[in-house]
């Protein structure tokens, strides 16, 4: 574990660390959840109704990496819906962010030294840079803006609809800026990560 730097997102200070090593295993698979189907209804004396419940499916892409450091420490990383071009033998740096005063933090990105690519982990990045309370505020603003604004439009109060929608719009603008600031500051570390590419490789024979 090596600390790269400390960044500031709003009032939140984050220590950015890396764990570097060779990928010894890179597995990918997908799962699909299916729901719905069938129907219901009532027909009596030639009249009534029949309703269909449409079939819905959701596919989740999974990936699991095993990374072995030169000192023998090994870490496993499981991801969902993150596209990675990584195979066994590649040298990578797992980047994670720890809030000041905390001991642990989520993985936020993966830097592949062989391809010089930096891939962010959206869920981890959001956990690192977005306060939990703001999600509750944003959700409340969305509900008020959507349903309140819809009722106001139906009633013909267009100015009121805009006023109700304003907090929701402001939240998403704030959210986008915060995410960009985080990605920009972490992305700026790629040059430093490239210079560390000379770290010793772990041979696959040593793993066996």
Protein backbone atom coordinates (compact mmCIF):
# COMPACT_ATOMS: atom_id res chain seq x y z
CA UNK A 1 0.00 0.00 0.00
CA UNK A 2 1.41 3.37 -1.06
CA UNK A 3 -0.17 6.77 -0.57
CA UNK A 4 0.01 8.83 -3.74
CA UNK A 5 -1.46 12.14 -2.62
CA UNK A 6 -4.29 13.87 -0.78
CA UNK A 7 -7.06 15.57 -2.71
CA UNK A 8 -9.91 17.84 -1.64
CA UNK A 9 -13.45 17.58 -3.03
CA UNK A 10 -15.51 20.37 -1.51
CA UNK A 11 -14.85 20.10 2.22
CA UNK A 12 -13.94 16.40 2.00
CA UNK A 13 -10.27 15.42 2.16
CA UNK A 14 -9.34 12.08 0.62
CA UNK A 15 -6.09 10.17 0.81
CA UNK A 16 -5.43 8.42 -2.49
CA UNK A 17 -3.59 5.10 -2.16
CA UNK A 18 -2.50 2.42 -4.62
CA UNK A 19 -1.89 -1.31 -4.45
CA UNK A 20 0.23 -2.48 -7.38
CA UNK A 21 0.88 -5.96 -8.62
CA UNK A 22 0.46 -8.49 -11.38
CA UNK A 23 -2.94 -9.83 -12.39
CA UNK A 24 -2.89 -13.58 -11.76
CA UNK A 25 -6.55 -14.16 -12.58
CA UNK A 26 -9.16 -12.14 -14.49
CA UNK A 27 -12.61 -13.69 -14.70
CA UNK A 28 -15.69 -12.26 -16.38
CA UNK A 29 -19.27 -13.53 -16.41
CA UNK A 30 -22.81 -12.20 -16.57
CA UNK A 31 -26.07 -12.95 -14.80
CA UNK A 32 -29.60 -12.22 -15.97
CA UNK A 33 -32.62 -11.70 -13.74
CA UNK A 34 -36.04 -12.25 -15.31
CA UNK A 35 -39.27 -11.00 -13.77
CA UNK A 36 -42.87 -10.62 -14.85
CA UNK A 37 -44.73 -12.72 -17.36
CA UNK A 38 -48.18 -14.21 -17.26
CA UNK A 39 -51.39 -12.24 -17.02
CA UNK A 40 -54.64 -11.77 -15.18
CA UNK A 41 -58.18 -10.68 -15.90
CA UNK A 42 -61.90 -11.32 -15.61
CA UNK A 43 -64.28 -12.34 -18.39
CA UNK A 44 -68.00 -12.79 -17.74
CA UNK A 45 -70.81 -13.17 -20.27
CA UNK A 46 -68.50 -12.35 -23.13
CA UNK A 47 -67.16 -9.15 -21.61
CA UNK A 48 -64.34 -8.21 -19.25
CA UNK A 49 -60.65 -7.60 -19.46
CA UNK A 50 -57.32 -9.38 -19.66
CA UNK A 51 -54.07 -7.70 -18.69
CA UNK A 52 -50.59 -8.95 -19.52
CA UNK A 53 -47.61 -8.59 -17.22
CA UNK A 54 -44.63 -7.99 -19.57
CA UNK A 55 -41.46 -9.96 -19.07
CA UNK A 56 -38.53 -7.84 -17.90
CA UNK A 57 -34.89 -8.85 -17.79
CA UNK A 58 -31.82 -7.26 -16.26
CA UNK A 59 -28.30 -8.36 -17.16
CA UNK A 60 -25.37 -7.64 -14.83
CA UNK A 61 -21.77 -8.02 -15.98
CA UNK A 62 -19.37 -9.25 -13.31
CA UNK A 63 -15.58 -9.28 -13.11
CA UNK A 64 -13.15 -10.56 -10.50
CA UNK A 65 -9.44 -9.80 -10.41
CA UNK A 66 -6.69 -11.35 -8.31
CA UNK A 67 -3.65 -9.10 -7.98
CA UNK A 68 -0.35 -10.28 -6.49
CA UNK A 69 2.21 -7.76 -5.20
CA UNK A 70 5.98 -8.40 -5.24
CA UNK A 71 5.97 -8.90 -1.46
CA UNK A 72 3.47 -11.76 -1.79
CA UNK A 73 0.35 -9.88 -0.64
CA UNK A 74 -2.66 -10.72 -2.78
CA UNK A 75 -5.93 -8.86 -3.15
CA UNK A 76 -9.22 -9.76 -4.78
CA UNK A 77 -11.46 -7.19 -6.42
CA UNK A 78 -15.04 -7.88 -7.53
CA UNK A 79 -16.76 -5.46 -9.88
CA UNK A 80 -20.16 -5.04 -11.50
CA UNK A 81 -20.85 -3.38 -14.86
CA UNK A 82 -17.32 -2.03 -15.28
CA UNK A 83 -15.67 -2.62 -18.67
CA UNK A 84 -12.04 -3.65 -18.27
CA UNK A 85 -9.40 -4.69 -20.84
CA UNK A 86 -7.24 -6.67 -18.42
CA UNK A 87 -5.78 -10.16 -18.66
CA UNK A 88 -3.49 -12.31 -16.50
CA UNK A 89 0.07 -11.04 -16.62
CA UNK A 90 -0.85 -7.36 -16.79
CA UNK A 91 0.65 -5.04 -14.17
CA UNK A 92 -2.03 -2.88 -12.54
CA UNK A 93 -2.48 -0.38 -9.74
CA UNK A 94 -5.69 -0.60 -7.73
CA UNK A 95 -6.48 2.93 -6.60
CA UNK A 96 -8.58 3.53 -3.51
CA UNK A 97 -9.62 6.59 -1.53
CA UNK A 98 -9.71 6.92 2.26
CA UNK A 99 -11.37 9.84 4.02
CA UNK A 100 -9.16 11.66 6.48
CA UNK A 101 -9.51 10.05 9.87
CA UNK A 102 -10.76 6.73 8.48
CA UNK A 103 -8.91 3.43 8.10
CA UNK A 104 -10.51 2.06 4.94
CA UNK A 105 -12.05 3.28 1.74
CA UNK A 106 -13.49 2.04 -1.56
CA UNK A 107 -11.59 1.19 -4.74
CA UNK A 108 -12.23 4.05 -7.16
CA UNK A 109 -10.13 3.24 -10.26
CA UNK A 110 -7.74 0.76 -11.88
CA UNK A 111 -4.63 1.82 -13.79
CA UNK A 112 -3.31 -0.72 -16.30
CA UNK A 113 0.42 -0.08 -16.78
CA UNK A 114 0.58 -2.29 -19.86
CA UNK A 115 -2.09 -0.36 -21.76
CA UNK A 116 -1.67 2.99 -19.94
CA UNK A 117 -5.44 3.09 -19.36
CA UNK A 118 -7.26 4.37 -16.31
CA UNK A 119 -10.72 2.92 -15.66
CA UNK A 120 -12.92 4.40 -12.96
CA UNK A 121 -15.21 2.34 -10.74
CA UNK A 122 -18.39 4.49 -10.62
CA UNK A 123 -19.88 3.05 -7.41
CA UNK A 124 -16.60 3.38 -5.52
CA UNK A 125 -15.93 6.87 -6.84
CA UNK A 126 -19.38 8.03 -5.72
CA UNK A 127 -18.92 6.54 -2.26
CA UNK A 128 -15.62 8.36 -1.93
CA UNK A 129 -16.60 11.84 -3.09
CA UNK A 130 -20.35 12.18 -2.48
CA UNK A 131 -21.68 12.53 1.09
CA UNK A 132 -24.43 10.06 1.93
CA UNK A 133 -26.70 12.80 3.22
CA UNK A 134 -26.62 14.60 -0.11
CA UNK A 135 -28.17 11.55 -1.80
CA UNK A 136 -31.15 11.80 0.54
CA UNK A 137 -31.45 15.51 -0.17
CA UNK A 138 -31.17 14.91 -3.90
CA UNK A 139 -33.80 12.18 -3.82
CA UNK A 140 -36.19 14.42 -1.91
CA UNK A 141 -35.57 17.31 -4.33
CA UNK A 142 -36.28 15.00 -7.28
CA UNK A 143 -39.58 13.77 -5.82
CA UNK A 144 -40.75 17.28 -4.98
CA UNK A 145 -39.61 18.65 -8.32
CA UNK A 146 -41.14 15.87 -10.41
CA UNK A 147 -44.50 15.28 -8.71
CA UNK A 148 -44.94 18.83 -7.46
CA UNK A 149 -43.95 20.24 -10.83
CA UNK A 150 -46.30 17.86 -12.65
CA UNK A 151 -49.23 18.89 -10.49
CA UNK A 152 -48.34 22.56 -10.95
CA UNK A 153 -48.19 22.16 -14.75
CA UNK A 154 -51.57 20.40 -14.82
CA UNK A 155 -52.99 23.25 -12.74
CA UNK A 156 -51.44 25.78 -15.12
CA UNK A 157 -48.96 27.22 -12.59
CA UNK A 158 -45.86 27.10 -14.80
CA UNK A 159 -43.76 29.50 -12.74
CA UNK A 160 -44.40 27.41 -9.63
CA UNK A 161 -43.41 24.27 -11.58
CA UNK A 162 -40.06 25.87 -12.47
CA UNK A 163 -39.47 26.91 -8.86
CA UNK A 164 -40.18 23.38 -7.63
CA UNK A 165 -37.83 21.88 -10.24
CA UNK A 166 -34.97 24.31 -9.53
CA UNK A 167 -33.57 22.49 -6.42
CA UNK A 168 -33.51 19.19 -8.33
CA UNK A 169 -31.67 20.74 -11.27
CA UNK A 170 -29.22 22.46 -8.90
CA UNK A 171 -28.51 19.15 -7.15
CA UNK A 172 -27.67 17.31 -10.37
CA UNK A 173 -25.46 20.18 -11.53
CA UNK A 174 -23.62 20.04 -8.19
CA UNK A 175 -23.36 16.26 -8.45
CA UNK A 176 -21.87 16.42 -11.95
CA UNK A 177 -19.30 19.03 -10.95
CA UNK A 178 -18.25 17.02 -7.90
CA UNK A 179 -17.79 13.86 -9.96
CA UNK A 180 -15.77 15.71 -12.60
CA UNK A 181 -13.54 17.29 -9.95
CA UNK A 182 -12.85 13.88 -8.44
CA UNK A 183 -12.08 12.25 -11.79
CA UNK A 184 -9.86 15.14 -12.86
CA UNK A 185 -7.77 15.02 -9.69
CA UNK A 186 -7.40 11.24 -9.72
CA UNK A 187 -6.77 11.22 -13.47
CA UNK A 188 -3.93 13.71 -12.99
CA UNK A 189 -2.01 10.96 -11.16
CA UNK A 190 -1.51 8.85 -14.29
CA UNK A 191 1.92 10.35 -15.04
CA UNK A 192 3.14 9.45 -11.56
CA UNK A 193 1.71 5.96 -11.94
CA UNK A 194 3.47 5.51 -15.28
CA UNK A 195 6.80 6.40 -13.69
CA UNK A 196 6.24 3.64 -11.13
CA UNK A 197 5.83 1.08 -13.93
CA UNK A 198 9.37 -0.15 -13.37
CA UNK A 199 8.27 -2.10 -10.28
CA UNK A 200 9.39 -5.74 -10.34
CA UNK A 201 7.00 -8.19 -11.99
CA UNK A 202 5.72 -11.25 -10.20
CA UNK A 203 6.24 -14.29 -12.42
CA UNK A 204 3.40 -16.70 -13.01
CA UNK A 205 5.77 -19.52 -12.05
CA UNK A 206 6.16 -17.96 -8.61
CA UNK A 207 2.38 -17.97 -8.21
CA UNK A 208 2.22 -21.66 -8.99
